[in-house]
PDB file of N, CA and C in Angstrom:
ATOM      1  N   UNK A   1     -32.656  67.852  88.993  1.00  0.00           N
ATOM      2  CA  UNK A   1     -32.975  68.510  87.740  1.00  0.00           C
ATOM      3  C   UNK A   1     -34.353  69.173  87.789  1.00  0.00           C
ATOM      4  N   UNK A   2     -35.272  68.637  88.575  1.00  0.00           N
ATOM      5  CA  UNK A   2     -36.607  69.204  88.678  1.00  0.00           C
ATOM      6  C   UNK A   2     -36.570  70.625  89.217  1.00  0.00           C
ATOM      7  N   UNK A   3     -35.641  70.926  90.124  1.00  0.00           N
ATOM      8  CA  UNK A   3     -35.542  72.257  90.709  1.00  0.00           C
ATOM      9  C   UNK A   3     -35.195  73.298  89.647  1.00  0.00           C
ATOM     10  N   UNK A   4     -34.386  72.912  88.634  1.00  0.00           N
ATOM     11  CA  UNK A   4     -34.006  73.852  87.588  1.00  0.00           C
ATOM     12  C   UNK A   4     -35.218  74.285  86.759  1.00  0.00           C
ATOM     13  N   UNK A   5     -36.151  73.387  86.518  1.00  0.00           N
ATOM     14  CA  UNK A   5     -37.289  73.717  85.671  1.00  0.00           C
ATOM     15  C   UNK A   5     -38.434  74.350  86.447  1.00  0.00           C
ATOM     16  N   UNK A   6     -38.337  74.440  87.748  1.00  0.00           N
ATOM     17  CA  UNK A   6     -39.393  75.045  88.550  1.00  0.00           C
ATOM     18  C   UNK A   6     -39.261  76.570  88.484  1.00  0.00           C
ATOM     19  N   UNK A   7     -40.292  77.215  87.967  1.00  0.00           N
ATOM     20  CA  UNK A   7     -40.253  78.669  87.772  1.00  0.00           C
ATOM     21  C   UNK A   7     -40.821  79.364  89.006  1.00  0.00           C
ATOM     22  N   UNK A   8     -40.062  80.334  89.517  1.00  0.00           N
ATOM     23  CA  UNK A   8     -40.480  81.039  90.729  1.00  0.00           C
ATOM     24  C   UNK A   8     -39.919  82.452  90.714  1.00  0.00           C
ATOM     25  N   UNK A   9     -40.761  83.436  91.092  1.00  0.00           N
ATOM     26  CA  UNK A   9     -40.341  84.828  91.236  1.00  0.00           C
ATOM     27  C   UNK A   9     -40.516  85.232  92.690  1.00  0.00           C
ATOM     28  N   UNK A  10     -39.498  85.893  93.251  1.00  0.00           N
ATOM     29  CA  UNK A  10     -39.606  86.440  94.606  1.00  0.00           C
ATOM     30  C   UNK A  10     -39.149  87.887  94.551  1.00  0.00           C
ATOM     31  N   UNK A  11     -40.067  88.811  94.839  1.00  0.00           N
ATOM     32  CA  UNK A  11     -39.769  90.233  94.824  1.00  0.00           C
ATOM     33  C   UNK A  11     -39.902  90.770  96.246  1.00  0.00           C
ATOM     34  N   UNK A  12     -38.826  91.351  96.764  1.00  0.00           N
ATOM     35  CA  UNK A  12     -38.804  91.889  98.118  1.00  0.00           C
ATOM     36  C   UNK A  12     -38.691  93.407  98.054  1.00  0.00           C
ATOM     37  N   UNK A  13     -39.736  94.082  98.572  1.00  0.00           N
ATOM     38  CA  UNK A  13     -39.769  95.548  98.642  1.00  0.00           C
ATOM     39  C   UNK A  13     -39.477  96.233  97.302  1.00  0.00           C
ATOM     40  N   UNK A  14     -39.823  95.589  96.212  1.00  0.00           N
ATOM     41  CA  UNK A  14     -39.579  96.109  94.854  1.00  0.00           C
ATOM     42  C   UNK A  14     -38.118  96.441  94.606  1.00  0.00           C
ATOM     43  N   UNK A  15     -37.199  95.922  95.433  1.00  0.00           N
ATOM     44  CA  UNK A  15     -35.776  96.249  95.302  1.00  0.00           C
ATOM     45  C   UNK A  15     -34.885  95.031  95.086  1.00  0.00           C
ATOM     46  N   UNK A  16     -35.381  93.842  95.381  1.00  0.00           N
ATOM     47  CA  UNK A  16     -34.588  92.624  95.227  1.00  0.00           C
ATOM     48  C   UNK A  16     -35.456  91.566  94.572  1.00  0.00           C
ATOM     49  N   UNK A  17     -35.085  91.148  93.366  1.00  0.00           N
ATOM     50  CA  UNK A  17     -35.861  90.175  92.604  1.00  0.00           C
ATOM     51  C   UNK A  17     -35.035  88.918  92.399  1.00  0.00           C
ATOM     52  N   UNK A  18     -35.584  87.785  92.813  1.00  0.00           N
ATOM     53  CA  UNK A  18     -34.967  86.482  92.582  1.00  0.00           C
ATOM     54  C   UNK A  18     -35.854  85.723  91.615  1.00  0.00           C
ATOM     55  N   UNK A  19     -35.259  85.205  90.536  1.00  0.00           N
ATOM     56  CA  UNK A  19     -36.003  84.466  89.528  1.00  0.00           C
ATOM     57  C   UNK A  19     -35.356  83.101  89.351  1.00  0.00           C
ATOM     58  N   UNK A  20     -36.158  82.047  89.481  1.00  0.00           N
ATOM     59  CA  UNK A  20     -35.712  80.682  89.206  1.00  0.00           C
ATOM     60  C   UNK A  20     -36.385  80.212  87.931  1.00  0.00           C
ATOM     61  N   UNK A  21     -35.767  79.273  87.240  1.00  0.00           N
ATOM     62  CA  UNK A  21     -36.298  78.785  85.975  1.00  0.00           C
ATOM     63  C   UNK A  21     -35.800  79.595  84.793  1.00  0.00           C
ATOM     64  N   UNK A  22     -34.666  80.271  84.956  1.00  0.00           N
ATOM     65  CA  UNK A  22     -34.094  81.099  83.892  1.00  0.00           C
ATOM     66  C   UNK A  22     -33.270  80.219  82.956  1.00  0.00           C
ATOM     67  N   UNK A  23     -33.529  80.345  81.671  1.00  0.00           N
ATOM     68  CA  UNK A  23     -32.780  79.603  80.657  1.00  0.00           C
ATOM     69  C   UNK A  23     -31.661  80.453  80.083  1.00  0.00           C
ATOM     70  N   UNK A  24     -31.967  81.735  79.814  1.00  0.00           N
ATOM     71  CA  UNK A  24     -30.985  82.611  79.171  1.00  0.00           C
ATOM     72  C   UNK A  24     -31.318  84.067  79.477  1.00  0.00           C
ATOM     73  N   UNK A  25     -30.281  84.914  79.480  1.00  0.00           N
ATOM     74  CA  UNK A  25     -30.457  86.358  79.602  1.00  0.00           C
ATOM     75  C   UNK A  25     -30.316  86.927  78.193  1.00  0.00           C
ATOM     76  N   UNK A  26     -31.431  87.391  77.633  1.00  0.00           N
ATOM     77  CA  UNK A  26     -31.431  87.914  76.264  1.00  0.00           C
ATOM     78  C   UNK A  26     -30.953  89.363  76.213  1.00  0.00           C
ATOM     79  N   UNK A  27     -31.332  90.171  77.211  1.00  0.00           N
ATOM     80  CA  UNK A  27     -30.981  91.600  77.233  1.00  0.00           C
ATOM     81  C   UNK A  27     -30.881  92.041  78.685  1.00  0.00           C
ATOM     82  N   UNK A  28     -29.891  92.882  78.983  1.00  0.00           N
ATOM     83  CA  UNK A  28     -29.768  93.389  80.349  1.00  0.00           C
ATOM     84  C   UNK A  28     -29.200  94.800  80.308  1.00  0.00           C
ATOM     85  N   UNK A  29     -30.035  95.784  80.681  1.00  0.00           N
ATOM     86  CA  UNK A  29     -29.577  97.155  80.892  1.00  0.00           C
ATOM     87  C   UNK A  29     -30.046  97.563  82.279  1.00  0.00           C
ATOM     88  N   UNK A  30     -29.683  98.747  82.712  1.00  0.00           N
ATOM     89  CA  UNK A  30     -30.102  99.166  84.052  1.00  0.00           C
ATOM     90  C   UNK A  30     -31.582  99.535  84.114  1.00  0.00           C
ATOM     91  N   UNK A  31     -32.266  99.594  82.951  1.00  0.00           N
ATOM     92  CA  UNK A  31     -33.696  99.917  82.929  1.00  0.00           C
ATOM     93  C   UNK A  31     -34.576  98.841  82.295  1.00  0.00           C
ATOM     94  N   UNK A  32     -33.979  97.871  81.610  1.00  0.00           N
ATOM     95  CA  UNK A  32     -34.757  96.879  80.866  1.00  0.00           C
ATOM     96  C   UNK A  32     -34.025  95.538  80.849  1.00  0.00           C
ATOM     97  N   UNK A  33     -34.717  94.491  81.279  1.00  0.00           N
ATOM     98  CA  UNK A  33     -34.137  93.148  81.314  1.00  0.00           C
ATOM     99  C   UNK A  33     -35.096  92.217  80.588  1.00  0.00           C
ATOM    100  N   UNK A  34     -34.561  91.348  79.745  1.00  0.00           N
ATOM    101  CA  UNK A  34     -35.354  90.339  79.053  1.00  0.00           C
ATOM    102  C   UNK A  34     -34.742  88.978  79.341  1.00  0.00           C
ATOM    103  N   UNK A  35     -35.525  88.115  80.016  1.00  0.00           N
ATOM    104  CA  UNK A  35     -35.063  86.787  80.399  1.00  0.00           C
ATOM    105  C   UNK A  35     -35.880  85.730  79.677  1.00  0.00           C
ATOM    106  N   UNK A  36     -35.221  84.697  79.188  1.00  0.00           N
ATOM    107  CA  UNK A  36     -35.921  83.531  78.679  1.00  0.00           C
ATOM    108  C   UNK A  36     -36.075  82.577  79.852  1.00  0.00           C
ATOM    109  N   UNK A  37     -37.319  82.234  80.196  1.00  0.00           N
ATOM    110  CA  UNK A  37     -37.590  81.366  81.334  1.00  0.00           C
ATOM    111  C   UNK A  37     -38.357  80.130  80.874  1.00  0.00           C
ATOM    112  N   UNK A  38     -38.543  79.203  81.803  1.00  0.00           N
ATOM    113  CA  UNK A  38     -39.316  77.997  81.520  1.00  0.00           C
ATOM    114  C   UNK A  38     -40.758  78.312  81.160  1.00  0.00           C
ATOM    115  N   UNK A  39     -41.260  79.460  81.572  1.00  0.00           N
ATOM    116  CA  UNK A  39     -42.654  79.842  81.350  1.00  0.00           C
ATOM    117  C   UNK A  39     -42.820  80.908  80.271  1.00  0.00           C
ATOM    118  N   UNK A  40     -41.776  81.194  79.515  1.00  0.00           N
ATOM    119  CA  UNK A  40     -41.837  82.187  78.446  1.00  0.00           C
ATOM    120  C   UNK A  40     -40.856  83.317  78.698  1.00  0.00           C
ATOM    121  N   UNK A  41     -40.899  84.311  77.822  1.00  0.00           N
ATOM    122  CA  UNK A  41     -40.014  85.458  77.934  1.00  0.00           C
ATOM    123  C   UNK A  41     -40.545  86.402  79.008  1.00  0.00           C
ATOM    124  N   UNK A  42     -39.667  86.801  79.927  1.00  0.00           N
ATOM    125  CA  UNK A  42     -40.029  87.696  81.021  1.00  0.00           C
ATOM    126  C   UNK A  42     -39.304  89.021  80.829  1.00  0.00           C
ATOM    127  N   UNK A  43     -40.078  90.104  80.687  1.00  0.00           N
ATOM    128  CA  UNK A  43     -39.517  91.442  80.530  1.00  0.00           C
ATOM    129  C   UNK A  43     -39.687  92.193  81.850  1.00  0.00           C
ATOM    130  N   UNK A  44     -38.585  92.728  82.363  1.00  0.00           N
ATOM    131  CA  UNK A  44     -38.578  93.448  83.632  1.00  0.00           C
ATOM    132  C   UNK A  44     -38.150  94.882  83.361  1.00  0.00           C
ATOM    133  N   UNK A  45     -38.954  95.844  83.785  1.00  0.00           N
ATOM    134  CA  UNK A  45     -38.643  97.268  83.632  1.00  0.00           C
ATOM    135  C   UNK A  45     -38.370  97.851  85.002  1.00  0.00           C
ATOM    136  N   UNK A  46     -37.418  98.783  85.076  1.00  0.00           N
ATOM    137  CA  UNK A  46     -37.104  99.391  86.356  1.00  0.00           C
ATOM    138  C   UNK A  46     -36.049 100.469  86.245  1.00  0.00           C
ATOM    139  N   UNK A  47     -35.409 100.738  87.364  1.00  0.00           N
ATOM    140  CA  UNK A  47     -34.354 101.753  87.434  1.00  0.00           C
ATOM    141  C   UNK A  47     -33.164 101.199  88.205  1.00  0.00           C
ATOM    142  N   UNK A  48     -31.983 101.573  87.765  1.00  0.00           N
ATOM    143  CA  UNK A  48     -30.727 101.230  88.450  1.00  0.00           C
ATOM    144  C   UNK A  48     -30.626  99.744  88.772  1.00  0.00           C
ATOM    145  N   UNK A  49     -31.066  98.903  87.857  1.00  0.00           N
ATOM    146  CA  UNK A  49     -31.016  97.460  88.089  1.00  0.00           C
ATOM    147  C   UNK A  49     -29.639  96.916  87.729  1.00  0.00           C
ATOM    148  N   UNK A  50     -29.171  96.025  88.553  1.00  0.00           N
ATOM    149  CA  UNK A  50     -27.926  95.327  88.257  1.00  0.00           C
ATOM    150  C   UNK A  50     -28.019  93.891  88.751  1.00  0.00           C
ATOM    151  N   UNK A  51     -27.187  93.044  88.139  1.00  0.00           N
ATOM    152  CA  UNK A  51     -27.168  91.633  88.447  1.00  0.00           C
ATOM    153  C   UNK A  51     -26.332  91.401  89.696  1.00  0.00           C
ATOM    154  N   UNK A  52     -26.963  90.922  90.736  1.00  0.00           N
ATOM    155  CA  UNK A  52     -26.241  90.594  91.962  1.00  0.00           C
ATOM    156  C   UNK A  52     -25.663  89.187  91.861  1.00  0.00           C
ATOM    157  N   UNK A  53     -26.426  88.288  91.222  1.00  0.00           N
ATOM    158  CA  UNK A  53     -25.988  86.904  91.087  1.00  0.00           C
ATOM    159  C   UNK A  53     -26.615  86.304  89.840  1.00  0.00           C
ATOM    160  N   UNK A  54     -25.856  85.463  89.122  1.00  0.00           N
ATOM    161  CA  UNK A  54     -26.363  84.751  87.956  1.00  0.00           C
ATOM    162  C   UNK A  54     -25.762  83.362  87.935  1.00  0.00           C
ATOM    163  N   UNK A  55     -26.619  82.356  87.836  1.00  0.00           N
ATOM    164  CA  UNK A  55     -26.173  80.971  87.716  1.00  0.00           C
ATOM    165  C   UNK A  55     -27.114  80.276  86.744  1.00  0.00           C
ATOM    166  N   UNK A  56     -26.742  80.238  85.467  1.00  0.00           N
ATOM    167  CA  UNK A  56     -27.596  79.623  84.457  1.00  0.00           C
ATOM    168  C   UNK A  56     -27.629  78.110  84.592  1.00  0.00           C
ATOM    169  N   UNK A  57     -26.579  77.509  85.166  1.00  0.00           N
ATOM    170  CA  UNK A  57     -26.603  76.065  85.405  1.00  0.00           C
ATOM    171  C   UNK A  57     -27.721  75.701  86.374  1.00  0.00           C
ATOM    172  N   UNK A  58     -27.945  76.544  87.377  1.00  0.00           N
ATOM    173  CA  UNK A  58     -29.030  76.336  88.345  1.00  0.00           C
ATOM    174  C   UNK A  58     -30.315  77.024  87.898  1.00  0.00           C
ATOM    175  N   UNK A  59     -30.245  77.833  86.839  1.00  0.00           N
ATOM    176  CA  UNK A  59     -31.425  78.517  86.315  1.00  0.00           C
ATOM    177  C   UNK A  59     -31.912  79.645  87.195  1.00  0.00           C
ATOM    178  N   UNK A  60     -30.982  80.419  87.776  1.00  0.00           N
ATOM    179  CA  UNK A  60     -31.416  81.492  88.684  1.00  0.00           C
ATOM    180  C   UNK A  60     -30.629  82.766  88.465  1.00  0.00           C
ATOM    181  N   UNK A  61     -31.326  83.888  88.764  1.00  0.00           N
ATOM    182  CA  UNK A  61     -30.716  85.210  88.700  1.00  0.00           C
ATOM    183  C   UNK A  61     -31.263  86.027  89.876  1.00  0.00           C
ATOM    184  N   UNK A  62     -30.406  86.897  90.426  1.00  0.00           N
ATOM    185  CA  UNK A  62     -30.810  87.816  91.485  1.00  0.00           C
ATOM    186  C   UNK A  62     -30.506  89.225  90.976  1.00  0.00           C
ATOM    187  N   UNK A  63     -31.526  90.087  91.015  1.00  0.00           N
ATOM    188  CA  UNK A  63     -31.417  91.446  90.481  1.00  0.00           C
ATOM    189  C   UNK A  63     -31.711  92.440  91.597  1.00  0.00           C
ATOM    190  N   UNK A  64     -30.856  93.461  91.717  1.00  0.00           N
ATOM    191  CA  UNK A  64     -31.088  94.559  92.661  1.00  0.00           C
ATOM    192  C   UNK A  64     -31.423  95.817  91.879  1.00  0.00           C
ATOM    193  N   UNK A  65     -32.284  96.646  92.426  1.00  0.00           N
ATOM    194  CA  UNK A  65     -32.702  97.885  91.794  1.00  0.00           C
ATOM    195  C   UNK A  65     -34.187  98.097  92.032  1.00  0.00           C
ATOM    196  N   UNK A  66     -34.747  99.126  91.439  1.00  0.00           N
ATOM    197  CA  UNK A  66     -36.170  99.424  91.591  1.00  0.00           C
ATOM    198  C   UNK A  66     -36.935  98.743  90.455  1.00  0.00           C
ATOM    199  N   UNK A  67     -37.809  97.793  90.808  1.00  0.00           N
ATOM    200  CA  UNK A  67     -38.624  97.087  89.818  1.00  0.00           C
ATOM    201  C   UNK A  67     -39.933  97.848  89.651  1.00  0.00           C
ATOM    202  N   UNK A  68     -40.228  98.256  88.408  1.00  0.00           N
ATOM    203  CA  UNK A  68     -41.449  99.011  88.119  1.00  0.00           C
ATOM    204  C   UNK A  68     -42.516  98.152  87.458  1.00  0.00           C
ATOM    205  N   UNK A  69     -42.104  97.160  86.637  1.00  0.00           N
ATOM    206  CA  UNK A  69     -43.075  96.325  85.930  1.00  0.00           C
ATOM    207  C   UNK A  69     -42.435  95.012  85.502  1.00  0.00           C
ATOM    208  N   UNK A  70     -43.278  93.972  85.441  1.00  0.00           N
ATOM    209  CA  UNK A  70     -42.854  92.677  84.915  1.00  0.00           C
ATOM    210  C   UNK A  70     -43.970  92.158  84.018  1.00  0.00           C
ATOM    211  N   UNK A  71     -43.594  91.599  82.868  1.00  0.00           N
ATOM    212  CA  UNK A  71     -44.598  91.066  81.941  1.00  0.00           C
ATOM    213  C   UNK A  71     -44.013  89.872  81.195  1.00  0.00           C
ATOM    214  N   UNK A  72     -44.873  88.885  80.949  1.00  0.00           N
ATOM    215  CA  UNK A  72     -44.487  87.718  80.165  1.00  0.00           C
ATOM    216  C   UNK A  72     -44.918  87.913  78.717  1.00  0.00           C
ATOM    217  N   UNK A  73     -44.072  87.441  77.800  1.00  0.00           N
ATOM    218  CA  UNK A  73     -44.358  87.498  76.376  1.00  0.00           C
ATOM    219  C   UNK A  73     -44.078  86.129  75.788  1.00  0.00           C
ATOM    220  N   UNK A  74     -44.873  85.705  74.848  1.00  0.00           N
ATOM    221  CA  UNK A  74     -44.691  84.414  74.200  1.00  0.00           C
ATOM    222  C   UNK A  74     -43.971  84.594  72.870  1.00  0.00           C
ATOM    223  N   UNK A  75     -43.057  83.692  72.580  1.00  0.00           N
ATOM    224  CA  UNK A  75     -42.453  83.607  71.259  1.00  0.00           C
ATOM    225  C   UNK A  75     -41.501  84.707  70.875  1.00  0.00           C
ATOM    226  N   UNK A  76     -40.835  85.380  71.814  1.00  0.00           N
ATOM    227  CA  UNK A  76     -39.918  86.452  71.450  1.00  0.00           C
ATOM    228  C   UNK A  76     -38.457  86.034  71.424  1.00  0.00           C
ATOM    229  N   UNK A  77     -38.131  84.849  71.898  1.00  0.00           N
ATOM    230  CA  UNK A  77     -36.724  84.477  71.997  1.00  0.00           C
ATOM    231  C   UNK A  77     -36.155  84.178  70.616  1.00  0.00           C
ATOM    232  N   UNK A  78     -34.875  84.441  70.452  1.00  0.00           N
ATOM    233  CA  UNK A  78     -34.222  84.172  69.176  1.00  0.00           C
ATOM    234  C   UNK A  78     -34.198  82.681  68.896  1.00  0.00           C
ATOM    235  N   UNK A  79     -34.079  81.841  69.934  1.00  0.00           N
ATOM    236  CA  UNK A  79     -34.060  80.397  69.718  1.00  0.00           C
ATOM    237  C   UNK A  79     -35.416  79.898  69.237  1.00  0.00           C
ATOM    238  N   UNK A  80     -36.514  80.455  69.733  1.00  0.00           N
ATOM    239  CA  UNK A  80     -37.835  80.025  69.268  1.00  0.00           C
ATOM    240  C   UNK A  80     -38.073  80.474  67.830  1.00  0.00           C
ATOM    241  N   UNK A  81     -37.533  81.638  67.424  1.00  0.00           N
ATOM    242  CA  UNK A  81     -37.652  82.089  66.048  1.00  0.00           C
ATOM    243  C   UNK A  81     -36.899  81.143  65.119  1.00  0.00           C
ATOM    244  N   UNK A  82     -35.722  80.702  65.534  1.00  0.00           N
ATOM    245  CA  UNK A  82     -34.945  79.770  64.719  1.00  0.00           C
ATOM    246  C   UNK A  82     -35.682  78.448  64.577  1.00  0.00           C
ATOM    247  N   UNK A  83     -36.271  77.951  65.637  1.00  0.00           N
ATOM    248  CA  UNK A  83     -37.005  76.690  65.581  1.00  0.00           C
ATOM    249  C   UNK A  83     -38.205  76.830  64.645  1.00  0.00           C
ATOM    250  N   UNK A  84     -38.877  77.975  64.692  1.00  0.00           N
ATOM    251  CA  UNK A  84     -40.014  78.195  63.817  1.00  0.00           C
ATOM    252  C   UNK A  84     -39.619  78.185  62.354  1.00  0.00           C
ATOM    253  N   UNK A  85     -38.524  78.839  62.025  1.00  0.00           N
ATOM    254  CA  UNK A  85     -38.036  78.884  60.656  1.00  0.00           C
ATOM    255  C   UNK A  85     -37.595  77.496  60.216  1.00  0.00           C
ATOM    256  N   UNK A  86     -36.880  76.788  61.074  1.00  0.00           N
ATOM    257  CA  UNK A  86     -36.418  75.444  60.755  1.00  0.00           C
ATOM    258  C   UNK A  86     -37.614  74.512  60.557  1.00  0.00           C
ATOM    259  N   UNK A  87     -38.621  74.663  61.426  1.00  0.00           N
ATOM    260  CA  UNK A  87     -39.811  73.837  61.292  1.00  0.00           C
ATOM    261  C   UNK A  87     -40.528  74.068  59.967  1.00  0.00           C
ATOM    262  N   UNK A  88     -40.579  75.328  59.520  1.00  0.00           N
ATOM    263  CA  UNK A  88     -41.211  75.645  58.241  1.00  0.00           C
ATOM    264  C   UNK A  88     -40.415  75.084  57.078  1.00  0.00           C
ATOM    265  N   UNK A  89     -39.088  75.118  57.171  1.00  0.00           N
ATOM    266  CA  UNK A  89     -38.247  74.610  56.073  1.00  0.00           C
ATOM    267  C   UNK A  89     -38.332  73.094  55.947  1.00  0.00           C
ATOM    268  N   UNK A  90     -38.535  72.409  57.064  1.00  0.00           N
ATOM    269  CA  UNK A  90     -38.538  70.946  57.044  1.00  0.00           C
ATOM    270  C   UNK A  90     -39.904  70.351  56.726  1.00  0.00           C
ATOM    271  N   UNK A  91     -40.945  71.182  56.610  1.00  0.00           N
ATOM    272  CA  UNK A  91     -42.281  70.644  56.301  1.00  0.00           C
ATOM    273  C   UNK A  91     -42.375  70.189  54.877  1.00  0.00           C
TER     274      UNK A  91
END
C-alpha cells in the first residue's frame, strides 16, 4: 500500500510522462490534463497528449505527447470542495 501513496513523476524527452500517486483523473483533453494526486492537483499542458496506460488501483498513469508545462495547485478538486462545504455545515 505504501507504493500507491508514493508520488513520483518521470518525464522522458518531454514525450513520455509517468505519474505515480494518482488518485483521480479530473480532466483529460489532448492539450490539458488535471490529475488529483497525493501531493495536490497536478495540471499538465501540452500537445497531442493521450493516455497510454491508466491504473487507478495502483495510482499510476502514463501519458504520451508533447509536455509543455506542469504545475501543482492546492484545493481545486471537487472532492476537497465537498469536504470543505460539509465541514462548514457541521461546525
